[in-house]
Amino acid sequence: MRRTLVLSLSLAALSPLVLAACQKKTETAEAPAAQAPSAALPAPGAAAPPARKPGLWSQTVTTAGMSQTMKICFDEATDRRMAVYGQTVDQDRCEKNVVTPIAGGWRFESVCDMGSGGKATTSGTATGDFASRYEVKAVTETTGAQAPQMNGRHEMTLTAAWEGPCPAGMAPGDMQLPGGMTINMNAAG
């Protein structure tokens, strides 16, 4: 159970980082001539995905056949803070971070040195409108981690849906975990 919680928290933290990476300048591949341009693709040099709509988001992380759902309260400042944090992590740890627009979202690839967590090579997609829902699918191959269970191939799907305004008593950055525990991402770092 503890391993599942730690893995879920790690993957939940991945969501803002992936979305933050999408806000960096993207490298675009030239579209094949037979493919018509998509209205969903941002213009060259344009900012990538829109910020998440402020409010309560339900986020379900599925990995290794297990799913856990967390609820996260976002305001504009928290969403921006997660984007800045993601960009800082990328600068410090990732030798490669490529984000490419695709129809309906973004494709991402990264190679990051996670210290004792090993070298993580990740590829995946982030799709959706980010106002009502989005989905992140990622595959990470980790090597050289001190904890043997961290090594290997890990597939993850994260689905998030906007549920409405944050309820009374829930502050921006609050993440309600399974079992009722709440942590605040803004206070975590």
C-alpha atoms as a PDB file:
ATOM      1  CA  MET A   1       0.000   0.000   0.000  1.00  0.00           C
ATOM      2  CA  ARG A   2       2.789   2.445   0.915  1.00  0.00           C
ATOM      3  CA  ARG A   3       4.535   1.730  -2.425  1.00  0.00           C
ATOM      4  CA  THR A   4       1.253   2.395  -4.250  1.00  0.00           C
ATOM      5  CA  LEU A   5       0.736   5.692  -2.397  1.00  0.00           C
ATOM      6  CA  VAL A   6       4.296   6.836  -3.091  1.00  0.00           C
ATOM      7  CA  LEU A   7       3.973   5.853  -6.759  1.00  0.00           C
ATOM      8  CA  SER A   8       0.611   7.615  -7.041  1.00  0.00           C
ATOM      9  CA  LEU A   9       1.965  10.774  -5.433  1.00  0.00           C
ATOM     10  CA  SER A  10       4.932  10.700  -7.788  1.00  0.00           C
ATOM     11  CA  LEU A  11       2.668  10.287 -10.795  1.00  0.00           C
ATOM     12  CA  ALA A  12       0.270  12.948  -9.537  1.00  0.00           C
ATOM     13  CA  ALA A  13       3.221  15.284  -9.319  1.00  0.00           C
ATOM     14  CA  LEU A  14       4.056  14.359 -12.909  1.00  0.00           C
ATOM     15  CA  SER A  15       0.876  15.992 -14.206  1.00  0.00           C
ATOM     16  CA  PRO A  16       1.843  19.601 -13.472  1.00  0.00           C
ATOM     17  CA  LEU A  17       5.399  18.908 -14.630  1.00  0.00           C
ATOM     18  CA  VAL A  18       4.242  17.504 -17.953  1.00  0.00           C
ATOM     19  CA  LEU A  19       1.877  20.410 -18.427  1.00  0.00           C
ATOM     20  CA  ALA A  20       4.645  22.820 -17.465  1.00  0.00           C
ATOM     21  CA  ALA A  21       6.929  21.261 -20.027  1.00  0.00           C
ATOM     22  CA  CYS A  22       4.231  21.881 -22.593  1.00  0.00           C
ATOM     23  CA  GLN A  23       4.430  25.583 -21.790  1.00  0.00           C
ATOM     24  CA  LYS A  24       8.079  25.738 -22.809  1.00  0.00           C
ATOM     25  CA  LYS A  25       9.094  26.664 -26.325  1.00  0.00           C
ATOM     26  CA  THR A  26       8.301  23.640 -28.443  1.00  0.00           C
ATOM     27  CA  GLU A  27      10.258  22.027 -31.200  1.00  0.00           C
ATOM     28  CA  THR A  28       7.885  21.362 -34.049  1.00  0.00           C
ATOM     29  CA  ALA A  29       8.197  18.671 -36.635  1.00  0.00           C
ATOM     30  CA  GLU A  30       7.042  19.506 -40.127  1.00  0.00           C
ATOM     31  CA  ALA A  31       3.616  18.002 -40.797  1.00  0.00           C
ATOM     32  CA  PRO A  32       3.391  15.466 -43.605  1.00  0.00           C
ATOM     33  CA  ALA A  33       2.093  17.038 -46.819  1.00  0.00           C
ATOM     34  CA  ALA A  34      -0.962  14.752 -46.878  1.00  0.00           C
ATOM     35  CA  GLN A  35      -2.047  15.883 -43.429  1.00  0.00           C
ATOM     36  CA  ALA A  36      -4.234  18.975 -43.298  1.00  0.00           C
ATOM     37  CA  PRO A  37      -3.328  21.552 -40.644  1.00  0.00           C
ATOM     38  CA  SER A  38      -5.323  21.141 -37.453  1.00  0.00           C
ATOM     39  CA  ALA A  39      -7.081  23.993 -35.719  1.00  0.00           C
ATOM     40  CA  ALA A  40      -6.009  22.419 -32.415  1.00  0.00           C
ATOM     41  CA  LEU A  41      -2.330  23.025 -33.124  1.00  0.00           C
ATOM     42  CA  PRO A  42      -0.888  26.243 -31.742  1.00  0.00           C
ATOM     43  CA  ALA A  43       0.701  28.655 -34.170  1.00  0.00           C
ATOM     44  CA  PRO A  44       4.506  28.430 -34.390  1.00  0.00           C
ATOM     45  CA  GLY A  45       6.051  30.214 -31.413  1.00  0.00           C
ATOM     46  CA  ALA A  46       2.681  30.453 -29.638  1.00  0.00           C
ATOM     47  CA  ALA A  47       2.330  29.500 -26.003  1.00  0.00           C
ATOM     48  CA  ALA A  48       1.411  25.850 -25.670  1.00  0.00           C
ATOM     49  CA  PRO A  49      -1.571  24.586 -23.728  1.00  0.00           C
ATOM     50  CA  PRO A  50      -3.944  26.897 -21.963  1.00  0.00           C
ATOM     51  CA  ALA A  51      -3.812  26.957 -18.203  1.00  0.00           C
ATOM     52  CA  ARG A  52      -6.131  24.625 -16.375  1.00  0.00           C
ATOM     53  CA  LYS A  53      -9.466  26.190 -15.509  1.00  0.00           C
ATOM     54  CA  PRO A  54      -9.390  27.304 -11.857  1.00  0.00           C
ATOM     55  CA  GLY A  55     -11.368  25.076  -9.528  1.00  0.00           C
ATOM     56  CA  LEU A  56     -11.539  21.506  -8.307  1.00  0.00           C
ATOM     57  CA  TRP A  57     -10.010  18.850 -10.550  1.00  0.00           C
ATOM     58  CA  SER A  58     -10.468  15.126 -10.059  1.00  0.00           C
ATOM     59  CA  GLN A  59      -7.345  13.325 -11.207  1.00  0.00           C
ATOM     60  CA  THR A  60      -7.165   9.537 -11.625  1.00  0.00           C
ATOM     61  CA  VAL A  61      -3.760   7.914 -12.010  1.00  0.00           C
ATOM     62  CA  THR A  62      -3.648   4.375 -13.381  1.00  0.00           C
ATOM     63  CA  THR A  63      -0.432   2.375 -13.365  1.00  0.00           C
ATOM     64  CA  ALA A  64       0.412  -1.315 -13.015  1.00  0.00           C
ATOM     65  CA  GLY A  65      -3.284  -2.178 -13.109  1.00  0.00           C
ATOM     66  CA  MET A  66      -4.124   0.003 -10.098  1.00  0.00           C
ATOM     67  CA  SER A  67      -5.976   3.316 -10.057  1.00  0.00           C
ATOM     68  CA  GLN A  68      -6.154   6.046  -7.455  1.00  0.00           C
ATOM     69  CA  THR A  69      -8.118   9.263  -7.597  1.00  0.00           C
ATOM     70  CA  MET A  70      -7.046  12.535  -6.037  1.00  0.00           C
ATOM     71  CA  LYS A  71      -8.794  15.893  -5.972  1.00  0.00           C
ATOM     72  CA  ILE A  72      -6.742  19.038  -6.488  1.00  0.00           C
ATOM     73  CA  CYS A  73      -7.782  22.666  -6.034  1.00  0.00           C
ATOM     74  CA  PHE A  74      -6.156  24.929  -8.643  1.00  0.00           C
ATOM     75  CA  ASP A  75      -6.232  28.687  -8.927  1.00  0.00           C
ATOM     76  CA  GLU A  76      -4.328  30.649 -11.582  1.00  0.00           C
ATOM     77  CA  ALA A  77      -1.364  31.286  -9.262  1.00  0.00           C
ATOM     78  CA  THR A  78      -1.016  27.579  -8.356  1.00  0.00           C
ATOM     79  CA  ASP A  79      -1.174  26.566 -12.020  1.00  0.00           C
ATOM     80  CA  ARG A  80       1.539  29.137 -12.904  1.00  0.00           C
ATOM     81  CA  ARG A  81       3.651  28.041  -9.909  1.00  0.00           C
ATOM     82  CA  MET A  82       3.524  24.399 -11.035  1.00  0.00           C
ATOM     83  CA  ALA A  83       4.571  25.513 -14.540  1.00  0.00           C
ATOM     84  CA  VAL A  84       7.573  27.436 -13.184  1.00  0.00           C
ATOM     85  CA  TYR A  85       8.506  24.489 -10.932  1.00  0.00           C
ATOM     86  CA  GLY A  86       8.341  22.106 -13.891  1.00  0.00           C
ATOM     87  CA  GLN A  87      10.561  24.341 -15.991  1.00  0.00           C
ATOM     88  CA  THR A  88      13.110  24.574 -13.163  1.00  0.00           C
ATOM     89  CA  VAL A  89      13.205  20.787 -12.725  1.00  0.00           C
ATOM     90  CA  ASP A  90      13.689  20.396 -16.482  1.00  0.00           C
ATOM     91  CA  GLN A  91      16.622  22.818 -16.526  1.00  0.00           C
ATOM     92  CA  ASP A  92      18.325  21.167 -13.590  1.00  0.00           C
ATOM     93  CA  ARG A  93      17.805  17.498 -14.385  1.00  0.00           C
ATOM     94  CA  CYS A  94      16.828  16.892 -17.990  1.00  0.00           C
ATOM     95  CA  GLU A  95      19.310  16.581 -20.827  1.00  0.00           C
ATOM     96  CA  LYS A  96      16.418  16.274 -23.276  1.00  0.00           C
ATOM     97  CA  ASN A  97      12.962  17.793 -23.138  1.00  0.00           C
ATOM     98  CA  VAL A  98      11.111  17.985 -26.435  1.00  0.00           C
ATOM     99  CA  VAL A  99       7.457  18.956 -26.701  1.00  0.00           C
ATOM    100  CA  THR A 100       5.785  18.746 -30.102  1.00  0.00           C
ATOM    101  CA  PRO A 101       2.251  19.901 -30.930  1.00  0.00           C
ATOM    102  CA  ILE A 102      -0.075  17.182 -32.241  1.00  0.00           C
ATOM    103  CA  ALA A 103      -3.757  17.312 -33.133  1.00  0.00           C
ATOM    104  CA  GLY A 104      -5.630  17.902 -29.879  1.00  0.00           C
ATOM    105  CA  GLY A 105      -2.586  18.213 -27.634  1.00  0.00           C
ATOM    106  CA  TRP A 106       1.146  17.657 -27.291  1.00  0.00           C
ATOM    107  CA  ARG A 107       3.682  14.847 -27.539  1.00  0.00           C
ATOM    108  CA  PHE A 108       6.577  14.957 -25.088  1.00  0.00           C
ATOM    109  CA  GLU A 109       9.911  13.197 -24.702  1.00  0.00           C
ATOM    110  CA  SER A 110      12.442  13.665 -21.936  1.00  0.00           C
ATOM    111  CA  VAL A 111      15.603  12.132 -20.551  1.00  0.00           C
ATOM    112  CA  CYS A 112      16.182  13.158 -16.941  1.00  0.00           C
ATOM    113  CA  ASP A 113      18.755  12.320 -14.272  1.00  0.00           C
ATOM    114  CA  MET A 114      16.758  11.817 -11.093  1.00  0.00           C
ATOM    115  CA  GLY A 115      19.805  11.283  -8.877  1.00  0.00           C
ATOM    116  CA  SER A 116      19.294   8.212  -6.698  1.00  0.00           C
ATOM    117  CA  GLY A 117      16.031   7.680  -8.620  1.00  0.00           C
ATOM    118  CA  GLY A 118      18.028   6.768 -11.733  1.00  0.00           C
ATOM    119  CA  LYS A 119      17.881   7.951 -15.314  1.00  0.00           C
ATOM    120  CA  ALA A 120      14.294   8.268 -16.556  1.00  0.00           C
ATOM    121  CA  THR A 121      13.461   8.289 -20.260  1.00  0.00           C
ATOM    122  CA  THR A 122       9.837   9.297 -20.745  1.00  0.00           C
ATOM    123  CA  SER A 123       7.600   9.673 -23.784  1.00  0.00           C
ATOM    124  CA  GLY A 124       3.910  10.332 -24.006  1.00  0.00           C
ATOM    125  CA  THR A 125       1.049  12.606 -24.916  1.00  0.00           C
ATOM    126  CA  ALA A 126      -1.096  15.205 -23.177  1.00  0.00           C
ATOM    127  CA  THR A 127      -4.473  15.796 -24.810  1.00  0.00           C
ATOM    128  CA  GLY A 128      -7.670  17.625 -23.975  1.00  0.00           C
ATOM    129  CA  ASP A 129      -8.991  21.148 -23.647  1.00  0.00           C
ATOM    130  CA  PHE A 130      -7.584  21.750 -20.116  1.00  0.00           C
ATOM    131  CA  ALA A 131     -10.800  23.656 -19.289  1.00  0.00           C
ATOM    132  CA  SER A 132     -12.987  20.620 -18.645  1.00  0.00           C
ATOM    133  CA  ARG A 133     -10.705  17.590 -19.003  1.00  0.00           C
ATOM    134  CA  TYR A 134      -7.304  16.334 -20.093  1.00  0.00           C
ATOM    135  CA  GLU A 135      -5.452  13.046 -20.315  1.00  0.00           C
ATOM    136  CA  VAL A 136      -1.753  12.301 -19.991  1.00  0.00           C
ATOM    137  CA  LYS A 137      -0.365   8.961 -21.189  1.00  0.00           C
ATOM    138  CA  ALA A 138       3.290   8.302 -20.476  1.00  0.00           C
ATOM    139  CA  VAL A 139       5.789   5.466 -20.638  1.00  0.00           C
ATOM    140  CA  THR A 140       8.929   5.799 -18.533  1.00  0.00           C
ATOM    141  CA  GLU A 141      11.969   3.528 -18.714  1.00  0.00           C
ATOM    142  CA  THR A 142      14.111   3.935 -15.592  1.00  0.00           C
ATOM    143  CA  THR A 143      17.642   2.583 -15.168  1.00  0.00           C
ATOM    144  CA  GLY A 144      20.205   2.957 -12.401  1.00  0.00           C
ATOM    145  CA  ALA A 145      17.782   3.702  -9.556  1.00  0.00           C
ATOM    146  CA  GLN A 146      18.985   2.739  -6.088  1.00  0.00           C
ATOM    147  CA  ALA A 147      15.576   1.247  -5.258  1.00  0.00           C
ATOM    148  CA  PRO A 148      15.318  -1.789  -7.575  1.00  0.00           C
ATOM    149  CA  GLN A 149      11.521  -1.545  -7.910  1.00  0.00           C
ATOM    150  CA  MET A 150      11.916   1.872  -9.557  1.00  0.00           C
ATOM    151  CA  ASN A 151      13.886   0.379 -12.455  1.00  0.00           C
ATOM    152  CA  GLY A 152      12.114  -0.899 -15.541  1.00  0.00           C
ATOM    153  CA  ARG A 153       9.264   0.168 -17.780  1.00  0.00           C
ATOM    154  CA  HIS A 154       6.313   1.952 -16.195  1.00  0.00           C
ATOM    155  CA  GLU A 155       3.159   2.951 -18.065  1.00  0.00           C
ATOM    156  CA  MET A 156       0.873   5.590 -16.616  1.00  0.00           C
ATOM    157  CA  THR A 157      -2.416   7.151 -17.634  1.00  0.00           C
ATOM    158  CA  LEU A 158      -3.682  10.214 -15.846  1.00  0.00           C
ATOM    159  CA  THR A 159      -7.187  11.485 -16.548  1.00  0.00           C
ATOM    160  CA  ALA A 160      -8.369  14.754 -15.070  1.00  0.00           C
ATOM    161  CA  ALA A 161     -11.809  16.342 -15.091  1.00  0.00           C
ATOM    162  CA  TRP A 162     -12.953  19.727 -13.820  1.00  0.00           C
ATOM    163  CA  GLU A 163     -15.644  19.321 -11.156  1.00  0.00           C
ATOM    164  CA  GLY A 164     -16.516  22.942 -10.375  1.00  0.00           C
ATOM    165  CA  PRO A 165     -15.334  25.576  -7.923  1.00  0.00           C
ATOM    166  CA  CYS A 166     -13.115  24.454  -5.049  1.00  0.00           C
ATOM    167  CA  PRO A 167     -15.298  23.663  -2.022  1.00  0.00           C
ATOM    168  CA  ALA A 168     -15.208  25.745   1.145  1.00  0.00           C
ATOM    169  CA  GLY A 169     -12.285  24.726   3.320  1.00  0.00           C
ATOM    170  CA  MET A 170     -10.124  23.638   0.388  1.00  0.00           C
ATOM    171  CA  ALA A 171      -7.297  26.067  -0.421  1.00  0.00           C
ATOM    172  CA  PRO A 172      -5.536  26.493  -3.770  1.00  0.00           C
ATOM    173  CA  GLY A 173      -2.859  23.793  -4.024  1.00  0.00           C
ATOM    174  CA  ASP A 174      -4.671  21.370  -1.709  1.00  0.00           C
ATOM    175  CA  MET A 175      -4.518  17.770  -2.922  1.00  0.00           C
ATOM    176  CA  GLN A 176      -6.916  15.319  -1.265  1.00  0.00           C
ATOM    177  CA  LEU A 177      -5.433  11.832  -1.384  1.00  0.00           C
ATOM    178  CA  PRO A 178      -7.235   8.504  -1.101  1.00  0.00           C
ATOM    179  CA  GLY A 179      -7.998   7.873   2.549  1.00  0.00           C
ATOM    180  CA  GLY A 180      -8.714  11.532   3.286  1.00  0.00           C
ATOM    181  CA  MET A 181      -5.185  12.870   3.756  1.00  0.00           C
ATOM    182  CA  THR A 182      -4.650  16.389   2.327  1.00  0.00           C
ATOM    183  CA  ILE A 183      -1.327  17.960   1.363  1.00  0.00           C
ATOM    184  CA  ASN A 184      -0.772  21.392  -0.126  1.00  0.00           C
ATOM    185  CA  MET A 185       1.431  21.446  -3.243  1.00  0.00           C
ATOM    186  CA  ASN A 186       2.155  25.153  -2.709  1.00  0.00           C
ATOM    187  CA  ALA A 187       3.596  24.439   0.744  1.00  0.00           C
ATOM    188  CA  ALA A 188       5.595  21.425  -0.468  1.00  0.00           C
ATOM    189  CA  GLY A 189       8.386  23.391  -2.063  1.00  0.00           C
END
